[in-house]
N, C-alpha and C. Protein backbone atom coordinates (compact mmCIF):
# COMPACT_ATOMS: atom_id res chain seq x y z
N UNK A 1 0.85 -1.18 0.00
CA UNK A 1 0.00 0.00 0.00
C UNK A 1 0.89 1.23 0.00
N UNK A 2 0.55 2.19 -0.82
CA UNK A 2 1.29 3.44 -0.90
C UNK A 2 0.93 4.30 0.31
N UNK A 3 1.90 4.64 1.18
CA UNK A 3 1.59 5.44 2.36
C UNK A 3 1.17 6.87 2.04
N UNK A 4 1.36 7.29 0.78
CA UNK A 4 0.99 8.65 0.40
C UNK A 4 -0.47 8.77 -0.05
N UNK A 5 -1.23 7.69 -0.01
CA UNK A 5 -2.64 7.77 -0.40
C UNK A 5 -3.37 8.74 0.51
N UNK A 6 -4.50 9.25 0.05
CA UNK A 6 -5.23 10.28 0.80
C UNK A 6 -6.01 9.73 1.99
N UNK A 7 -6.21 8.42 2.04
CA UNK A 7 -7.00 7.85 3.14
C UNK A 7 -6.35 6.55 3.60
N UNK A 8 -6.14 6.44 4.89
CA UNK A 8 -5.63 5.22 5.49
C UNK A 8 -6.75 4.53 6.24
N UNK A 9 -6.67 3.22 6.34
CA UNK A 9 -7.60 2.45 7.16
C UNK A 9 -6.84 1.91 8.37
N UNK A 10 -7.40 2.14 9.55
CA UNK A 10 -6.86 1.57 10.78
C UNK A 10 -7.77 0.41 11.15
N UNK A 11 -7.20 -0.78 11.30
CA UNK A 11 -7.99 -1.97 11.63
C UNK A 11 -7.62 -2.47 13.02
N UNK A 12 -8.63 -2.63 13.86
CA UNK A 12 -8.44 -3.23 15.18
C UNK A 12 -8.32 -4.73 14.94
N UNK A 13 -7.16 -5.30 15.23
CA UNK A 13 -6.93 -6.72 14.92
C UNK A 13 -7.73 -7.67 15.80
N UNK A 14 -8.23 -7.19 16.94
CA UNK A 14 -9.05 -8.05 17.80
C UNK A 14 -10.51 -8.10 17.34
N UNK A 15 -11.05 -6.95 16.95
CA UNK A 15 -12.47 -6.88 16.59
C UNK A 15 -12.70 -6.76 15.09
N UNK A 16 -11.64 -6.51 14.33
CA UNK A 16 -11.71 -6.25 12.90
C UNK A 16 -12.48 -4.98 12.57
N UNK A 17 -12.72 -4.13 13.55
CA UNK A 17 -13.38 -2.85 13.32
C UNK A 17 -12.43 -1.93 12.56
N UNK A 18 -12.98 -1.17 11.60
CA UNK A 18 -12.15 -0.33 10.75
C UNK A 18 -12.47 1.14 10.96
N UNK A 19 -11.42 1.96 10.89
CA UNK A 19 -11.52 3.42 10.98
C UNK A 19 -10.72 3.98 9.83
N UNK A 20 -11.09 5.15 9.35
CA UNK A 20 -10.33 5.78 8.28
C UNK A 20 -9.77 7.11 8.74
N UNK A 21 -8.58 7.42 8.24
CA UNK A 21 -7.94 8.70 8.48
C UNK A 21 -7.75 9.34 7.12
N UNK A 22 -8.19 10.59 6.99
CA UNK A 22 -8.08 11.32 5.73
C UNK A 22 -6.90 12.27 5.79
N UNK A 23 -6.04 12.24 4.77
CA UNK A 23 -4.90 13.15 4.65
C UNK A 23 -4.91 13.80 3.28
N UNK A 24 -4.55 15.02 3.14
CA UNK A 24 -4.86 16.06 4.10
C UNK A 24 -6.22 16.62 3.78
N UNK A 25 -6.94 17.00 4.75
CA UNK A 25 -8.22 17.70 4.56
C UNK A 25 -7.90 19.19 4.48
N UNK A 26 -8.78 20.01 3.90
CA UNK A 26 -8.47 21.43 3.74
C UNK A 26 -8.10 22.14 5.05
N UNK A 27 -8.89 21.99 6.08
CA UNK A 27 -8.60 22.66 7.34
C UNK A 27 -8.39 21.67 8.48
N UNK A 28 -8.86 20.46 8.32
CA UNK A 28 -8.78 19.45 9.37
C UNK A 28 -8.36 18.13 8.76
N UNK A 29 -7.80 17.28 9.58
CA UNK A 29 -7.66 15.87 9.23
C UNK A 29 -8.64 15.13 10.13
N UNK A 30 -9.33 14.15 9.59
CA UNK A 30 -10.39 13.48 10.33
C UNK A 30 -10.09 12.01 10.55
N UNK A 31 -10.56 11.51 11.68
CA UNK A 31 -10.62 10.08 11.93
C UNK A 31 -12.09 9.73 11.94
N UNK A 32 -12.49 8.76 11.11
CA UNK A 32 -13.90 8.37 11.02
C UNK A 32 -14.05 6.90 11.38
N UNK A 33 -15.20 6.60 12.01
CA UNK A 33 -15.49 5.20 12.32
C UNK A 33 -16.13 4.55 11.11
N UNK A 34 -16.50 3.28 11.24
CA UNK A 34 -17.06 2.51 10.12
C UNK A 34 -18.36 3.11 9.59
N UNK A 35 -19.09 3.85 10.43
CA UNK A 35 -20.33 4.50 10.00
C UNK A 35 -20.08 5.83 9.31
N UNK A 36 -18.82 6.26 9.24
CA UNK A 36 -18.49 7.53 8.61
C UNK A 36 -18.59 8.72 9.53
N UNK A 37 -18.78 8.48 10.83
CA UNK A 37 -18.89 9.57 11.79
C UNK A 37 -17.50 9.98 12.28
N UNK A 38 -17.29 11.30 12.41
CA UNK A 38 -16.01 11.80 12.89
C UNK A 38 -15.85 11.48 14.37
N UNK A 39 -14.70 10.93 14.72
CA UNK A 39 -14.38 10.70 16.13
C UNK A 39 -13.10 11.45 16.52
N UNK A 40 -12.43 12.03 15.54
CA UNK A 40 -11.23 12.79 15.85
C UNK A 40 -10.94 13.82 14.78
N UNK A 41 -10.38 14.95 15.21
CA UNK A 41 -9.98 16.00 14.27
C UNK A 41 -8.60 16.52 14.67
N UNK A 42 -7.93 17.10 13.68
CA UNK A 42 -6.66 17.78 13.92
C UNK A 42 -6.77 19.15 13.29
N UNK A 43 -6.43 20.19 14.04
CA UNK A 43 -6.41 21.56 13.53
C UNK A 43 -5.01 22.13 13.67
N UNK A 44 -4.61 22.94 12.71
CA UNK A 44 -3.34 23.66 12.81
C UNK A 44 -3.56 24.95 13.56
N UNK A 45 -2.59 25.33 14.37
CA UNK A 45 -2.59 26.66 14.96
C UNK A 45 -1.14 27.05 15.21
N UNK A 46 -0.91 28.30 15.49
CA UNK A 46 0.45 28.78 15.67
C UNK A 46 1.08 29.12 14.34
N UNK A 47 2.29 29.60 14.40
CA UNK A 47 3.01 30.00 13.19
C UNK A 47 3.36 28.78 12.36
N UNK A 48 3.16 28.90 11.09
CA UNK A 48 3.51 27.86 10.11
C UNK A 48 2.77 26.55 10.28
N UNK A 49 1.80 26.50 11.17
CA UNK A 49 1.04 25.27 11.36
C UNK A 49 1.82 24.14 11.98
N UNK A 50 2.94 24.46 12.65
CA UNK A 50 3.77 23.41 13.27
C UNK A 50 3.07 22.83 14.49
N UNK A 51 2.25 23.64 15.15
CA UNK A 51 1.48 23.13 16.29
C UNK A 51 0.12 22.67 15.79
N UNK A 52 -0.33 21.57 16.34
CA UNK A 52 -1.63 21.00 15.98
C UNK A 52 -2.42 20.75 17.25
N UNK A 53 -3.73 20.80 17.12
CA UNK A 53 -4.63 20.50 18.23
C UNK A 53 -5.43 19.26 17.85
N UNK A 54 -5.24 18.18 18.61
CA UNK A 54 -5.99 16.94 18.41
C UNK A 54 -7.20 16.96 19.34
N UNK A 55 -8.35 16.70 18.80
CA UNK A 55 -9.55 16.50 19.61
C UNK A 55 -10.09 15.13 19.23
N UNK A 56 -10.35 14.33 20.24
CA UNK A 56 -10.77 12.94 20.03
C UNK A 56 -11.94 12.67 20.97
N UNK A 57 -13.06 12.21 20.41
CA UNK A 57 -14.26 11.98 21.22
C UNK A 57 -14.81 10.59 20.92
N UNK A 58 -14.83 9.77 21.95
CA UNK A 58 -15.46 8.45 21.89
C UNK A 58 -16.32 8.28 23.12
N UNK A 59 -17.09 7.20 23.15
CA UNK A 59 -17.98 6.96 24.29
C UNK A 59 -17.24 6.95 25.62
N UNK A 60 -16.09 6.31 25.66
CA UNK A 60 -15.38 6.14 26.93
C UNK A 60 -14.09 6.95 27.03
N UNK A 61 -13.83 7.82 26.07
CA UNK A 61 -12.58 8.57 26.11
C UNK A 61 -12.71 9.88 25.35
N UNK A 62 -12.27 10.93 25.99
CA UNK A 62 -12.14 12.23 25.34
C UNK A 62 -10.67 12.63 25.49
N UNK A 63 -10.09 13.16 24.44
CA UNK A 63 -8.70 13.64 24.51
C UNK A 63 -8.61 15.01 23.86
N UNK A 64 -7.87 15.88 24.48
CA UNK A 64 -7.60 17.22 23.97
C UNK A 64 -6.09 17.42 24.10
N UNK A 65 -5.37 17.30 22.99
CA UNK A 65 -3.92 17.20 23.04
C UNK A 65 -3.28 18.16 22.05
N UNK A 66 -2.21 18.83 22.48
CA UNK A 66 -1.41 19.68 21.60
C UNK A 66 -0.22 18.87 21.11
N UNK A 67 -0.02 18.88 19.81
CA UNK A 67 1.06 18.14 19.16
C UNK A 67 1.98 19.16 18.52
N UNK A 68 3.26 19.06 18.72
CA UNK A 68 4.17 20.01 18.06
C UNK A 68 5.56 19.42 17.93
N UNK A 69 6.30 20.02 17.07
CA UNK A 69 7.68 19.65 16.84
C UNK A 69 8.22 20.46 15.68
N UNK A 70 9.49 20.70 15.69
CA UNK A 70 10.11 21.47 14.61
C UNK A 70 10.13 20.63 13.34
N UNK A 71 10.01 21.31 12.22
CA UNK A 71 10.18 20.60 10.95
C UNK A 71 11.57 19.99 10.94
N UNK A 72 11.71 18.88 10.33
CA UNK A 72 12.95 18.11 10.21
C UNK A 72 13.51 17.64 11.55
N UNK A 73 12.71 17.65 12.58
CA UNK A 73 13.14 17.14 13.89
C UNK A 73 12.81 15.66 13.97
N UNK A 74 13.60 14.91 14.71
CA UNK A 74 13.33 13.49 14.90
C UNK A 74 12.39 13.24 16.06
N UNK A 75 11.85 14.29 16.65
CA UNK A 75 10.99 14.12 17.81
C UNK A 75 9.85 15.13 17.79
N UNK A 76 8.68 14.68 18.15
CA UNK A 76 7.50 15.53 18.31
C UNK A 76 7.00 15.33 19.73
N UNK A 77 6.16 16.24 20.21
CA UNK A 77 5.60 16.07 21.55
C UNK A 77 4.08 16.08 21.48
N UNK A 78 3.47 15.42 22.43
CA UNK A 78 2.01 15.39 22.57
C UNK A 78 1.71 15.61 24.05
N UNK A 79 1.06 16.73 24.36
CA UNK A 79 0.73 17.06 25.75
C UNK A 79 -0.73 17.44 25.82
N UNK A 80 -1.40 16.96 26.87
CA UNK A 80 -2.79 17.33 27.03
C UNK A 80 -3.49 16.50 28.07
N UNK A 81 -4.82 16.48 27.94
CA UNK A 81 -5.65 15.78 28.91
C UNK A 81 -6.51 14.74 28.22
N UNK A 82 -6.87 13.70 28.97
CA UNK A 82 -7.83 12.71 28.49
C UNK A 82 -8.73 12.34 29.67
N UNK A 83 -9.82 11.68 29.35
CA UNK A 83 -10.70 11.16 30.40
C UNK A 83 -10.41 9.69 30.70
N UNK A 84 -9.38 9.14 30.07
CA UNK A 84 -9.02 7.74 30.27
C UNK A 84 -8.35 7.56 31.63
N UNK A 85 -8.88 6.66 32.42
CA UNK A 85 -8.36 6.43 33.76
C UNK A 85 -6.88 6.03 33.70
N UNK A 86 -6.07 6.73 34.50
CA UNK A 86 -4.64 6.49 34.52
C UNK A 86 -3.86 7.30 33.50
N UNK A 87 -4.57 7.97 32.60
CA UNK A 87 -3.94 8.76 31.54
C UNK A 87 -4.56 10.16 31.46
N UNK A 88 -4.99 10.68 32.61
CA UNK A 88 -5.68 11.97 32.63
C UNK A 88 -4.80 13.10 32.13
N UNK A 89 -3.52 13.04 32.43
CA UNK A 89 -2.54 14.01 31.92
C UNK A 89 -1.53 13.23 31.09
N UNK A 90 -1.36 13.62 29.83
CA UNK A 90 -0.33 12.95 29.04
C UNK A 90 0.75 13.95 28.65
N UNK A 91 1.96 13.47 28.66
CA UNK A 91 3.12 14.24 28.25
C UNK A 91 4.04 13.23 27.56
N UNK A 92 3.81 13.07 26.27
CA UNK A 92 4.48 12.04 25.50
C UNK A 92 5.45 12.65 24.50
N UNK A 93 6.46 11.89 24.15
CA UNK A 93 7.33 12.26 23.05
C UNK A 93 7.20 11.17 21.98
N UNK A 94 7.22 11.61 20.75
CA UNK A 94 7.10 10.70 19.62
C UNK A 94 8.42 10.78 18.87
N UNK A 95 9.19 9.73 18.94
CA UNK A 95 10.54 9.73 18.37
C UNK A 95 10.61 8.85 17.14
N UNK A 96 11.31 9.36 16.14
CA UNK A 96 11.56 8.57 14.95
C UNK A 96 12.86 7.80 15.16
N UNK A 97 12.80 6.50 15.01
CA UNK A 97 13.97 5.64 15.14
C UNK A 97 14.47 5.35 13.72
N UNK A 98 15.50 6.09 13.29
CA UNK A 98 16.00 5.97 11.91
C UNK A 98 16.57 4.59 11.61
N UNK A 99 17.14 3.95 12.60
CA UNK A 99 17.77 2.65 12.38
C UNK A 99 16.72 1.57 12.11
N UNK A 100 15.65 1.58 12.90
CA UNK A 100 14.61 0.55 12.78
C UNK A 100 13.44 0.98 11.91
N UNK A 101 13.48 2.19 11.33
CA UNK A 101 12.35 2.72 10.56
C UNK A 101 11.06 2.56 11.35
N UNK A 102 11.08 3.17 12.54
CA UNK A 102 10.00 2.97 13.49
C UNK A 102 9.72 4.28 14.22
N UNK A 103 8.45 4.46 14.61
CA UNK A 103 8.07 5.57 15.49
C UNK A 103 7.80 4.99 16.87
N UNK A 104 8.38 5.60 17.87
CA UNK A 104 8.16 5.19 19.26
C UNK A 104 7.46 6.31 20.00
N UNK A 105 6.43 5.98 20.76
CA UNK A 105 5.81 6.95 21.67
C UNK A 105 6.23 6.54 23.07
N UNK A 106 6.78 7.52 23.81
CA UNK A 106 7.25 7.25 25.17
C UNK A 106 6.76 8.34 26.11
N UNK A 107 6.62 8.00 27.37
CA UNK A 107 6.27 8.96 28.40
C UNK A 107 7.49 9.85 28.66
N UNK A 108 7.30 11.17 28.63
CA UNK A 108 8.41 12.10 28.83
C UNK A 108 9.02 12.00 30.21
N UNK A 109 8.22 11.70 31.22
CA UNK A 109 8.73 11.67 32.60
C UNK A 109 9.47 10.37 32.91
N UNK A 110 8.92 9.24 32.49
CA UNK A 110 9.48 7.95 32.88
C UNK A 110 10.30 7.27 31.77
N UNK A 111 10.19 7.78 30.55
CA UNK A 111 10.81 7.16 29.37
C UNK A 111 10.23 5.79 29.04
N UNK A 112 9.13 5.42 29.69
CA UNK A 112 8.47 4.14 29.41
C UNK A 112 7.85 4.17 28.01
N UNK A 113 8.12 3.13 27.22
CA UNK A 113 7.55 3.05 25.88
C UNK A 113 6.06 2.74 25.96
N UNK A 114 5.27 3.51 25.24
CA UNK A 114 3.83 3.33 25.18
C UNK A 114 3.47 2.51 23.95
N UNK A 115 4.12 2.84 22.82
CA UNK A 115 3.84 2.10 21.59
C UNK A 115 5.02 2.19 20.64
N UNK A 116 4.99 1.26 19.67
CA UNK A 116 5.97 1.25 18.58
C UNK A 116 5.18 1.06 17.29
N UNK A 117 5.52 1.86 16.28
CA UNK A 117 4.91 1.73 14.97
C UNK A 117 6.00 1.31 14.00
N UNK A 118 5.83 0.14 13.41
CA UNK A 118 6.78 -0.40 12.45
C UNK A 118 6.26 -0.13 11.05
N UNK A 119 7.05 0.56 10.25
CA UNK A 119 6.66 0.87 8.88
C UNK A 119 6.88 -0.34 7.98
N UNK A 120 5.86 -0.67 7.18
CA UNK A 120 5.98 -1.70 6.15
C UNK A 120 6.20 -0.99 4.83
N UNK A 121 7.06 -1.49 4.01
CA UNK A 121 7.36 -0.81 2.77
C UNK A 121 6.29 -1.07 1.72
N UNK A 122 6.37 -0.36 0.62
CA UNK A 122 5.30 -0.33 -0.38
C UNK A 122 4.90 -1.69 -0.93
N UNK A 123 5.78 -2.67 -0.88
CA UNK A 123 5.43 -3.97 -1.45
C UNK A 123 4.57 -4.82 -0.51
N UNK A 124 4.25 -4.30 0.66
CA UNK A 124 3.34 -4.99 1.58
C UNK A 124 1.94 -4.42 1.41
N UNK A 125 0.94 -5.10 1.97
CA UNK A 125 -0.44 -4.66 1.82
C UNK A 125 -0.88 -3.73 2.94
N UNK A 126 0.07 -3.15 3.65
CA UNK A 126 -0.25 -2.25 4.76
C UNK A 126 0.84 -1.19 4.88
N UNK A 127 0.51 -0.10 5.51
CA UNK A 127 1.49 0.96 5.76
C UNK A 127 2.40 0.55 6.91
N UNK A 128 1.84 -0.13 7.89
CA UNK A 128 2.65 -0.55 9.02
C UNK A 128 1.82 -1.22 10.10
N UNK A 129 2.50 -1.57 11.18
CA UNK A 129 1.85 -2.21 12.33
C UNK A 129 2.16 -1.41 13.58
N UNK A 130 1.13 -1.23 14.41
CA UNK A 130 1.28 -0.53 15.67
C UNK A 130 1.21 -1.54 16.80
N UNK A 131 2.19 -1.50 17.66
CA UNK A 131 2.22 -2.36 18.84
C UNK A 131 2.05 -1.47 20.07
N UNK A 132 0.96 -1.68 20.81
CA UNK A 132 0.71 -0.94 22.05
C UNK A 132 1.37 -1.72 23.18
N UNK A 133 2.31 -1.10 23.85
CA UNK A 133 3.08 -1.77 24.90
C UNK A 133 2.56 -1.47 26.29
N UNK A 134 1.89 -0.36 26.46
CA UNK A 134 1.43 0.08 27.78
C UNK A 134 0.23 -0.75 28.20
N UNK A 135 0.35 -1.42 29.32
CA UNK A 135 -0.74 -2.25 29.84
C UNK A 135 -1.80 -1.37 30.51
N UNK A 136 -3.03 -1.84 30.49
CA UNK A 136 -4.12 -1.13 31.16
C UNK A 136 -4.72 0.01 30.36
N UNK A 137 -4.33 0.14 29.12
CA UNK A 137 -4.87 1.22 28.28
C UNK A 137 -6.20 0.77 27.69
N UNK A 138 -7.25 1.56 27.87
CA UNK A 138 -8.55 1.17 27.35
C UNK A 138 -8.59 1.30 25.82
N UNK A 139 -9.52 0.58 25.21
CA UNK A 139 -9.62 0.50 23.74
C UNK A 139 -9.69 1.86 23.07
N UNK A 140 -10.53 2.77 23.60
CA UNK A 140 -10.67 4.06 22.95
C UNK A 140 -9.38 4.86 22.99
N UNK A 141 -8.63 4.76 24.07
CA UNK A 141 -7.34 5.45 24.14
C UNK A 141 -6.34 4.82 23.18
N UNK A 142 -6.43 3.50 23.00
CA UNK A 142 -5.58 2.83 22.02
C UNK A 142 -5.87 3.37 20.62
N UNK A 143 -7.14 3.60 20.31
CA UNK A 143 -7.49 4.17 19.02
C UNK A 143 -6.90 5.56 18.88
N UNK A 144 -6.93 6.35 19.94
CA UNK A 144 -6.31 7.68 19.89
C UNK A 144 -4.82 7.55 19.62
N UNK A 145 -4.14 6.60 20.25
CA UNK A 145 -2.71 6.39 20.01
C UNK A 145 -2.48 6.02 18.54
N UNK A 146 -3.34 5.19 17.98
CA UNK A 146 -3.22 4.82 16.56
C UNK A 146 -3.39 6.04 15.67
N UNK A 147 -4.36 6.89 16.00
CA UNK A 147 -4.61 8.11 15.23
C UNK A 147 -3.41 9.05 15.32
N UNK A 148 -2.91 9.27 16.51
CA UNK A 148 -1.76 10.13 16.74
C UNK A 148 -0.53 9.60 16.00
N UNK A 149 -0.33 8.30 16.05
CA UNK A 149 0.81 7.67 15.38
C UNK A 149 0.69 7.80 13.87
N UNK A 150 -0.48 7.49 13.33
CA UNK A 150 -0.68 7.59 11.89
C UNK A 150 -0.47 9.00 11.38
N UNK A 151 -1.02 9.96 12.10
CA UNK A 151 -0.88 11.36 11.71
C UNK A 151 0.59 11.77 11.74
N UNK A 152 1.30 11.40 12.80
CA UNK A 152 2.71 11.77 12.94
C UNK A 152 3.54 11.12 11.84
N UNK A 153 3.29 9.85 11.58
CA UNK A 153 4.04 9.16 10.54
C UNK A 153 3.80 9.82 9.19
N UNK A 154 2.57 10.18 8.91
CA UNK A 154 2.27 10.83 7.64
C UNK A 154 3.01 12.17 7.53
N UNK A 155 3.10 12.91 8.63
CA UNK A 155 3.86 14.16 8.62
C UNK A 155 5.33 13.90 8.32
N UNK A 156 5.88 12.84 8.91
CA UNK A 156 7.27 12.50 8.61
C UNK A 156 7.44 12.13 7.14
N UNK A 157 6.49 11.44 6.56
CA UNK A 157 6.59 11.10 5.14
C UNK A 157 6.72 12.35 4.29
N UNK A 158 5.98 13.39 4.66
CA UNK A 158 6.05 14.64 3.90
C UNK A 158 7.39 15.34 4.08
N UNK A 159 8.12 15.00 5.15
CA UNK A 159 9.41 15.63 5.43
C UNK A 159 10.59 14.74 5.06
N UNK A 160 10.35 13.61 4.43
CA UNK A 160 11.41 12.62 4.21
C UNK A 160 12.70 13.17 3.63
N UNK A 161 12.66 13.99 2.60
CA UNK A 161 13.94 14.46 2.06
C UNK A 161 14.78 15.22 3.09
N UNK A 162 14.13 15.94 3.99
CA UNK A 162 14.86 16.73 4.96
C UNK A 162 15.39 15.91 6.13
N UNK A 163 14.69 14.84 6.51
CA UNK A 163 15.11 14.08 7.70
C UNK A 163 15.94 12.85 7.36
N UNK A 164 16.08 12.54 6.09
CA UNK A 164 16.98 11.47 5.69
C UNK A 164 16.44 10.06 5.84
N UNK A 165 15.14 9.90 5.82
CA UNK A 165 14.55 8.56 5.89
C UNK A 165 14.41 8.05 4.47
N UNK A 166 15.14 7.04 4.10
CA UNK A 166 15.14 6.52 2.74
C UNK A 166 14.06 5.46 2.58
N UNK A 167 12.98 5.82 1.90
CA UNK A 167 11.84 4.91 1.75
C UNK A 167 12.13 3.77 0.78
N UNK A 168 13.21 3.85 0.04
CA UNK A 168 13.50 2.79 -0.93
C UNK A 168 14.28 1.65 -0.29
N UNK A 169 14.80 1.87 0.89
CA UNK A 169 15.61 0.87 1.59
C UNK A 169 14.73 -0.23 2.19
N UNK A 170 15.23 -1.44 2.20
CA UNK A 170 14.53 -2.57 2.82
C UNK A 170 15.17 -2.88 4.16
N UNK A 171 14.34 -3.28 5.14
CA UNK A 171 14.90 -3.68 6.45
C UNK A 171 15.46 -5.07 6.36
């Protein structure tokens, strides 16, 4: 699958439930459930649109998170609030691992890994696989992590020439 397509599908491997992420929308990027209803949006704010505001609304989880990072940086940050028990305040860093062609989300305070996203190259039938490592995370918050990861990875794809990630290389 070409990661540059305008719409990605996120599949929950336990329930086979599908969500779509649209890239790029004119003013927002959306996460939609199988019924086509928006459950998440991303808005640009600040100079040059480097800062983004994620809003995510599900039955059991609400998240309001600011995402930012310098262009061509190997790290982005995600700070904000959620209604997910145990994750009411989040302060995460999203790091690009150039060696493993992977995105890692880690807690800024403890350095504990929350998730790893492994990129699959174009000859596979998927953009990549997300592994959630943090135990006790509820399903809706996991979906938010998938949305945040997909959005961040797509931003890195747009910056590839500047950050030196060679998409033609095989692992």
